[in-house]
């Protein structure tokens, strides 16, 4: 795993595997998930010459959770 500091102070955890000059595949693993390599997916793509990048979503792997995001209060009902 590699890490990249972000401007907001969080850390992006990611993994890159495959040939240096291979066509790039950005693998989004869904939720929940982290940058832990998935052998069957990575190996199949790498065997075909692709370079695969995947990352950990906030709160998974070594990445810290995002700060809570508050949404605005819903509008009051016209009946009240």
C-alpha atoms as a PDB file:
ATOM      1  CA  UNK A   1       0.000   0.000   0.000  1.00  0.00           C
ATOM      2  CA  UNK A   2       1.092   3.513  -0.704  1.00  0.00           C
ATOM      3  CA  UNK A   3      -0.218   6.740   0.781  1.00  0.00           C
ATOM      4  CA  UNK A   4      -0.685  10.255  -0.516  1.00  0.00           C
ATOM      5  CA  UNK A   5      -1.323  13.215   1.818  1.00  0.00           C
ATOM      6  CA  UNK A   6      -4.317  15.309   0.702  1.00  0.00           C
ATOM      7  CA  UNK A   7      -4.699  19.075   1.066  1.00  0.00           C
ATOM      8  CA  UNK A   8      -7.380  18.722   3.757  1.00  0.00           C
ATOM      9  CA  UNK A   9      -5.025  16.699   5.975  1.00  0.00           C
ATOM     10  CA  UNK A  10      -6.468  13.261   5.232  1.00  0.00           C
ATOM     11  CA  UNK A  11      -4.435  10.428   3.722  1.00  0.00           C
ATOM     12  CA  UNK A  12      -5.305   8.583   0.500  1.00  0.00           C
ATOM     13  CA  UNK A  13      -4.290   4.913   0.663  1.00  0.00           C
ATOM     14  CA  UNK A  14      -3.864   3.200  -2.705  1.00  0.00           C
ATOM     15  CA  UNK A  15      -2.255   0.262  -4.481  1.00  0.00           C
ATOM     16  CA  UNK A  16      -0.742   0.117  -7.976  1.00  0.00           C
ATOM     17  CA  UNK A  17       0.129  -3.222  -9.579  1.00  0.00           C
ATOM     18  CA  UNK A  18       1.025  -4.352 -13.068  1.00  0.00           C
ATOM     19  CA  UNK A  19       3.414  -3.322 -15.830  1.00  0.00           C
ATOM     20  CA  UNK A  20       4.689   0.277 -15.685  1.00  0.00           C
ATOM     21  CA  UNK A  21       3.573   1.048 -19.249  1.00  0.00           C
ATOM     22  CA  UNK A  22       0.402  -1.058 -19.330  1.00  0.00           C
ATOM     23  CA  UNK A  23      -2.993   0.516 -20.004  1.00  0.00           C
ATOM     24  CA  UNK A  24      -4.318   1.901 -16.715  1.00  0.00           C
ATOM     25  CA  UNK A  25      -7.407   0.478 -15.008  1.00  0.00           C
ATOM     26  CA  UNK A  26      -8.887   2.354 -12.034  1.00  0.00           C
ATOM     27  CA  UNK A  27     -10.626  -0.332  -9.995  1.00  0.00           C
ATOM     28  CA  UNK A  28     -13.477   0.913  -7.807  1.00  0.00           C
ATOM     29  CA  UNK A  29     -14.284  -1.967  -5.477  1.00  0.00           C
ATOM     30  CA  UNK A  30     -17.617  -0.745  -4.119  1.00  0.00           C
ATOM     31  CA  UNK A  31     -18.535  -0.359  -0.497  1.00  0.00           C
ATOM     32  CA  UNK A  32     -17.282  -1.303   1.979  1.00  0.00           C
ATOM     33  CA  UNK A  33     -13.790  -1.711   0.732  1.00  0.00           C
ATOM     34  CA  UNK A  34     -10.155  -0.817   0.934  1.00  0.00           C
ATOM     35  CA  UNK A  35      -7.104  -0.929  -1.289  1.00  0.00           C
ATOM     36  CA  UNK A  36      -6.367  -4.515  -0.232  1.00  0.00           C
ATOM     37  CA  UNK A  37      -5.551  -6.231  -3.530  1.00  0.00           C
ATOM     38  CA  UNK A  38      -8.194  -8.671  -4.739  1.00  0.00           C
ATOM     39  CA  UNK A  39      -6.094 -11.438  -6.229  1.00  0.00           C
ATOM     40  CA  UNK A  40      -8.623 -12.731  -8.755  1.00  0.00           C
ATOM     41  CA  UNK A  41      -9.343  -9.262 -10.169  1.00  0.00           C
ATOM     42  CA  UNK A  42      -5.786  -7.940 -10.092  1.00  0.00           C
ATOM     43  CA  UNK A  43      -4.124 -11.100 -11.386  1.00  0.00           C
ATOM     44  CA  UNK A  44      -6.506 -11.449 -14.321  1.00  0.00           C
ATOM     45  CA  UNK A  45      -5.956  -7.846 -15.448  1.00  0.00           C
ATOM     46  CA  UNK A  46      -2.191  -7.912 -14.830  1.00  0.00           C
ATOM     47  CA  UNK A  47      -1.835 -11.178 -16.773  1.00  0.00           C
ATOM     48  CA  UNK A  48      -3.362  -9.339 -19.746  1.00  0.00           C
ATOM     49  CA  UNK A  49      -0.836  -6.485 -19.437  1.00  0.00           C
ATOM     50  CA  UNK A  50      -2.954  -3.918 -17.567  1.00  0.00           C
ATOM     51  CA  UNK A  51      -1.753  -1.702 -14.709  1.00  0.00           C
ATOM     52  CA  UNK A  52      -4.362  -1.652 -11.935  1.00  0.00           C
ATOM     53  CA  UNK A  53      -4.920   1.109  -9.359  1.00  0.00           C
ATOM     54  CA  UNK A  54      -7.320   0.797  -6.452  1.00  0.00           C
ATOM     55  CA  UNK A  55      -7.813   2.888  -3.315  1.00  0.00           C
ATOM     56  CA  UNK A  56      -9.344   2.815   0.135  1.00  0.00           C
ATOM     57  CA  UNK A  57     -12.533   4.762   0.673  1.00  0.00           C
ATOM     58  CA  UNK A  58     -12.679   7.121   3.672  1.00  0.00           C
ATOM     59  CA  UNK A  59     -13.015   5.128   6.897  1.00  0.00           C
ATOM     60  CA  UNK A  60     -11.649   1.881   5.413  1.00  0.00           C
ATOM     61  CA  UNK A  61      -8.112   0.483   5.413  1.00  0.00           C
ATOM     62  CA  UNK A  62      -5.745   3.059   6.906  1.00  0.00           C
ATOM     63  CA  UNK A  63      -7.867   6.027   5.778  1.00  0.00           C
ATOM     64  CA  UNK A  64      -9.502   8.144   8.455  1.00  0.00           C
ATOM     65  CA  UNK A  65     -13.224   8.739   8.269  1.00  0.00           C
ATOM     66  CA  UNK A  66     -14.489  11.950   6.733  1.00  0.00           C
ATOM     67  CA  UNK A  67     -15.709  14.552   9.185  1.00  0.00           C
ATOM     68  CA  UNK A  68     -19.480  14.480   9.610  1.00  0.00           C
ATOM     69  CA  UNK A  69     -21.286  16.450   6.945  1.00  0.00           C
ATOM     70  CA  UNK A  70     -24.419  18.211   8.059  1.00  0.00           C
ATOM     71  CA  UNK A  71     -27.198  18.850   5.617  1.00  0.00           C
ATOM     72  CA  UNK A  72     -29.478  21.868   5.928  1.00  0.00           C
ATOM     73  CA  UNK A  73     -32.698  21.455   7.882  1.00  0.00           C
ATOM     74  CA  UNK A  74     -35.677  20.443   5.769  1.00  0.00           C
ATOM     75  CA  UNK A  75     -38.153  23.226   4.983  1.00  0.00           C
ATOM     76  CA  UNK A  76     -41.099  23.570   7.333  1.00  0.00           C
ATOM     77  CA  UNK A  77     -44.390  22.269   6.102  1.00  0.00           C
ATOM     78  CA  UNK A  78     -46.765  24.913   4.770  1.00  0.00           C
ATOM     79  CA  UNK A  79     -49.431  23.390   7.025  1.00  0.00           C
ATOM     80  CA  UNK A  80     -47.634  24.231  10.278  1.00  0.00           C
END
